[in-house]
C-alpha atoms as a PDB file:
ATOM      1  CA  UNK A   1     -12.678 -10.460 -21.919  1.00  0.00           C
ATOM      2  CA  UNK A   2     -10.061  -7.819 -21.179  1.00  0.00           C
ATOM      3  CA  UNK A   3      -6.812  -9.502 -19.996  1.00  0.00           C
ATOM      4  CA  UNK A   4      -6.206  -6.811 -17.368  1.00  0.00           C
ATOM      5  CA  UNK A   5      -9.705  -7.313 -15.985  1.00  0.00           C
ATOM      6  CA  UNK A   6      -9.083 -11.070 -15.838  1.00  0.00           C
ATOM      7  CA  UNK A   7      -5.728 -10.508 -14.110  1.00  0.00           C
ATOM      8  CA  UNK A   8      -7.373  -8.124 -11.614  1.00  0.00           C
ATOM      9  CA  UNK A   9     -10.069 -10.686 -10.859  1.00  0.00           C
ATOM     10  CA  UNK A  10      -7.771 -13.700 -10.348  1.00  0.00           C
ATOM     11  CA  UNK A  11      -4.996 -11.747  -8.614  1.00  0.00           C
ATOM     12  CA  UNK A  12      -7.635 -10.337  -6.258  1.00  0.00           C
ATOM     13  CA  UNK A  13      -8.718 -13.849  -5.306  1.00  0.00           C
ATOM     14  CA  UNK A  14      -5.124 -14.759  -4.466  1.00  0.00           C
ATOM     15  CA  UNK A  15      -4.828 -11.608  -2.359  1.00  0.00           C
ATOM     16  CA  UNK A  16      -7.795 -12.672  -0.234  1.00  0.00           C
ATOM     17  CA  UNK A  17      -5.835 -15.800   0.681  1.00  0.00           C
ATOM     18  CA  UNK A  18      -2.722 -13.719   1.479  1.00  0.00           C
ATOM     19  CA  UNK A  19      -4.691 -11.353   3.735  1.00  0.00           C
ATOM     20  CA  UNK A  20      -6.128 -14.391   5.512  1.00  0.00           C
ATOM     21  CA  UNK A  21      -2.576 -15.781   5.822  1.00  0.00           C
ATOM     22  CA  UNK A  22      -1.438 -12.568   7.542  1.00  0.00           C
ATOM     23  CA  UNK A  23      -4.278 -12.951  10.046  1.00  0.00           C
ATOM     24  CA  UNK A  24      -3.416 -16.593  10.750  1.00  0.00           C
ATOM     25  CA  UNK A  25       0.324 -15.859  11.079  1.00  0.00           C
ATOM     26  CA  UNK A  26      -0.392 -12.951  13.431  1.00  0.00           C
ATOM     27  CA  UNK A  27      -2.611 -15.160  15.581  1.00  0.00           C
ATOM     28  CA  UNK A  28      -0.217 -18.118  15.671  1.00  0.00           C
ATOM     29  CA  UNK A  29       3.294 -16.639  15.581  1.00  0.00           C
ATOM     30  CA  UNK A  30       2.672 -12.957  16.195  1.00  0.00           C
ATOM     31  CA  UNK A  31       2.829 -10.017  13.795  1.00  0.00           C
ATOM     32  CA  UNK A  32       5.385 -10.101  10.995  1.00  0.00           C
ATOM     33  CA  UNK A  33       5.643  -6.481   9.699  1.00  0.00           C
ATOM     34  CA  UNK A  34       7.654  -7.429   6.594  1.00  0.00           C
ATOM     35  CA  UNK A  35       5.010  -9.935   5.463  1.00  0.00           C
ATOM     36  CA  UNK A  36       2.233  -7.499   6.358  1.00  0.00           C
ATOM     37  CA  UNK A  37       3.823  -4.719   4.281  1.00  0.00           C
ATOM     38  CA  UNK A  38       4.347  -7.023   1.309  1.00  0.00           C
ATOM     39  CA  UNK A  39       0.678  -8.037   1.332  1.00  0.00           C
ATOM     40  CA  UNK A  40      -0.429  -4.392   1.610  1.00  0.00           C
ATOM     41  CA  UNK A  41       1.728  -3.435  -1.390  1.00  0.00           C
ATOM     42  CA  UNK A  42       0.408  -6.390  -3.415  1.00  0.00           C
ATOM     43  CA  UNK A  43      -3.130  -5.167  -2.760  1.00  0.00           C
ATOM     44  CA  UNK A  44      -2.028  -1.685  -3.918  1.00  0.00           C
ATOM     45  CA  UNK A  45      -0.782  -3.218  -7.157  1.00  0.00           C
ATOM     46  CA  UNK A  46      -4.119  -4.932  -7.716  1.00  0.00           C
ATOM     47  CA  UNK A  47      -5.858  -1.607  -7.092  1.00  0.00           C
ATOM     48  CA  UNK A  48      -3.791   0.007  -9.865  1.00  0.00           C
ATOM     49  CA  UNK A  49      -4.414  -2.937 -12.220  1.00  0.00           C
ATOM     50  CA  UNK A  50      -8.150  -2.636 -11.517  1.00  0.00           C
ATOM     51  CA  UNK A  51      -8.079   1.094 -12.207  1.00  0.00           C
ATOM     52  CA  UNK A  52      -6.323   0.585 -15.549  1.00  0.00           C
ATOM     53  CA  UNK A  53      -8.700  -2.270 -16.425  1.00  0.00           C
ATOM     54  CA  UNK A  54     -11.663  -0.020 -15.605  1.00  0.00           C
ATOM     55  CA  UNK A  55     -10.587   2.476 -18.245  1.00  0.00           C
ATOM     56  CA  UNK A  56     -10.265  -0.295 -20.852  1.00  0.00           C
ATOM     57  CA  UNK A  57     -13.617  -2.009 -20.403  1.00  0.00           C
ATOM     58  CA  UNK A  58     -17.218  -1.167 -21.214  1.00  0.00           C
ATOM     59  CA  UNK A  59     -18.522  -2.811 -18.046  1.00  0.00           C
ATOM     60  CA  UNK A  60     -20.070  -0.404 -15.512  1.00  0.00           C
ATOM     61  CA  UNK A  61     -18.817  -0.704 -11.931  1.00  0.00           C
ATOM     62  CA  UNK A  62     -20.757   0.062  -8.773  1.00  0.00           C
ATOM     63  CA  UNK A  63     -19.488   3.008  -6.714  1.00  0.00           C
ATOM     64  CA  UNK A  64     -19.145   0.668  -3.770  1.00  0.00           C
ATOM     65  CA  UNK A  65     -16.468  -1.488  -5.404  1.00  0.00           C
ATOM     66  CA  UNK A  66     -13.753   1.212  -5.298  1.00  0.00           C
ATOM     67  CA  UNK A  67     -15.009   2.596  -1.975  1.00  0.00           C
ATOM     68  CA  UNK A  68     -14.741  -0.808  -0.259  1.00  0.00           C
ATOM     69  CA  UNK A  69     -11.373  -1.498  -1.917  1.00  0.00           C
ATOM     70  CA  UNK A  70      -9.879   1.856  -0.879  1.00  0.00           C
ATOM     71  CA  UNK A  71     -11.134   1.441   2.685  1.00  0.00           C
ATOM     72  CA  UNK A  72      -9.530  -2.023   2.780  1.00  0.00           C
ATOM     73  CA  UNK A  73      -6.228  -0.653   1.464  1.00  0.00           C
ATOM     74  CA  UNK A  74      -6.251   2.057   4.122  1.00  0.00           C
ATOM     75  CA  UNK A  75      -6.786  -0.527   6.867  1.00  0.00           C
ATOM     76  CA  UNK A  76      -4.081  -2.776   5.441  1.00  0.00           C
ATOM     77  CA  UNK A  77      -1.577   0.065   5.543  1.00  0.00           C
ATOM     78  CA  UNK A  78      -2.646   1.049   9.059  1.00  0.00           C
ATOM     79  CA  UNK A  79      -1.983  -2.490  10.275  1.00  0.00           C
ATOM     80  CA  UNK A  80       1.012  -3.241   8.046  1.00  0.00           C
ATOM     81  CA  UNK A  81       3.707  -1.564  10.155  1.00  0.00           C
ATOM     82  CA  UNK A  82       2.256  -2.556  13.499  1.00  0.00           C
ATOM     83  CA  UNK A  83       3.696  -5.144  15.837  1.00  0.00           C
ATOM     84  CA  UNK A  84       0.595  -5.049  18.033  1.00  0.00           C
ATOM     85  CA  UNK A  85      -1.135  -8.397  17.521  1.00  0.00           C
ATOM     86  CA  UNK A  86      -4.665  -7.151  18.198  1.00  0.00           C
ATOM     87  CA  UNK A  87      -4.259  -4.161  15.861  1.00  0.00           C
ATOM     88  CA  UNK A  88      -2.934  -6.325  13.027  1.00  0.00           C
ATOM     89  CA  UNK A  89      -5.673  -8.937  13.418  1.00  0.00           C
ATOM     90  CA  UNK A  90      -8.380  -6.275  13.686  1.00  0.00           C
ATOM     91  CA  UNK A  91      -7.205  -4.209  10.694  1.00  0.00           C
ATOM     92  CA  UNK A  92      -6.546  -7.175   8.417  1.00  0.00           C
ATOM     93  CA  UNK A  93      -9.814  -8.895   9.398  1.00  0.00           C
ATOM     94  CA  UNK A  94     -11.916  -5.837   8.633  1.00  0.00           C
ATOM     95  CA  UNK A  95      -9.922  -5.300   5.423  1.00  0.00           C
ATOM     96  CA  UNK A  96     -10.612  -8.916   4.424  1.00  0.00           C
ATOM     97  CA  UNK A  97     -14.341  -8.366   4.951  1.00  0.00           C
ATOM     98  CA  UNK A  98     -14.196  -5.152   2.913  1.00  0.00           C
ATOM     99  CA  UNK A  99     -12.322  -6.893   0.081  1.00  0.00           C
ATOM    100  CA  UNK A 100     -14.920  -9.669   0.031  1.00  0.00           C
ATOM    101  CA  UNK A 101     -17.662  -7.016  -0.012  1.00  0.00           C
ATOM    102  CA  UNK A 102     -15.891  -5.234  -2.907  1.00  0.00           C
ATOM    103  CA  UNK A 103     -15.759  -8.523  -4.768  1.00  0.00           C
ATOM    104  CA  UNK A 104     -19.427  -9.267  -4.029  1.00  0.00           C
ATOM    105  CA  UNK A 105     -20.620  -5.884  -5.298  1.00  0.00           C
ATOM    106  CA  UNK A 106     -19.944  -6.780  -8.930  1.00  0.00           C
ATOM    107  CA  UNK A 107     -19.851 -10.576  -8.748  1.00  0.00           C
ATOM    108  CA  UNK A 108     -22.620 -12.633 -10.284  1.00  0.00           C
ATOM    109  CA  UNK A 109     -23.245 -14.227  -6.876  1.00  0.00           C
ATOM    110  CA  UNK A 110     -23.308 -10.860  -5.092  1.00  0.00           C
ATOM    111  CA  UNK A 111     -26.430  -9.173  -3.740  1.00  0.00           C
ATOM    112  CA  UNK A 112     -28.723  -7.722  -6.379  1.00  0.00           C
ATOM    113  CA  UNK A 113     -29.358  -4.741  -4.125  1.00  0.00           C
ATOM    114  CA  UNK A 114     -25.915  -3.326  -4.952  1.00  0.00           C
ATOM    115  CA  UNK A 115     -26.425  -3.859  -8.668  1.00  0.00           C
ATOM    116  CA  UNK A 116     -29.904  -2.322  -8.862  1.00  0.00           C
ATOM    117  CA  UNK A 117     -30.037   0.492  -6.321  1.00  0.00           C
ATOM    118  CA  UNK A 118     -26.760   2.352  -6.674  1.00  0.00           C
ATOM    119  CA  UNK A 119     -25.374   4.651  -9.312  1.00  0.00           C
ATOM    120  CA  UNK A 120     -22.851   2.969 -11.560  1.00  0.00           C
ATOM    121  CA  UNK A 121     -19.575   4.515 -12.615  1.00  0.00           C
ATOM    122  CA  UNK A 122     -19.738   4.636 -16.405  1.00  0.00           C
ATOM    123  CA  UNK A 123     -16.703   3.124 -18.057  1.00  0.00           C
ATOM    124  CA  UNK A 124     -14.900   5.407 -20.505  1.00  0.00           C
ATOM    125  CA  UNK A 125     -15.590   3.018 -23.397  1.00  0.00           C
ATOM    126  CA  UNK A 126     -19.329   3.591 -22.882  1.00  0.00           C
ATOM    127  CA  UNK A 127     -18.860   7.367 -22.789  1.00  0.00           C
ATOM    128  CA  UNK A 128     -16.857   7.295 -26.022  1.00  0.00           C
ATOM    129  CA  UNK A 129     -19.759   5.801 -27.999  1.00  0.00           C
END
């Protein structure tokens, strides 16, 4: 298996915990913009790692994986600078759900509907054949 793909997968799992930690911290102690920004940037890094891994693998990816991930990143950055507790909790909670949905789209345990009924992005390694 591609090492970048493996890193993207495991790093993404850690990021789910960090996004959840931002939500818990915001609920318990109030928003912490520095922590929120760090988590948003870490998710950006995983997005770039996933993009590079995509171009190095032959595995097709559902269109919904990048769409959900980009929507989550947008929400994370919307909530990252905020000191409004409800805005931070709302943005990070919806982003967490979108990141879980992005994970589920291509996961073995994810819904078959995503895997069977949507156009796949062909990986460049498949096109090169």
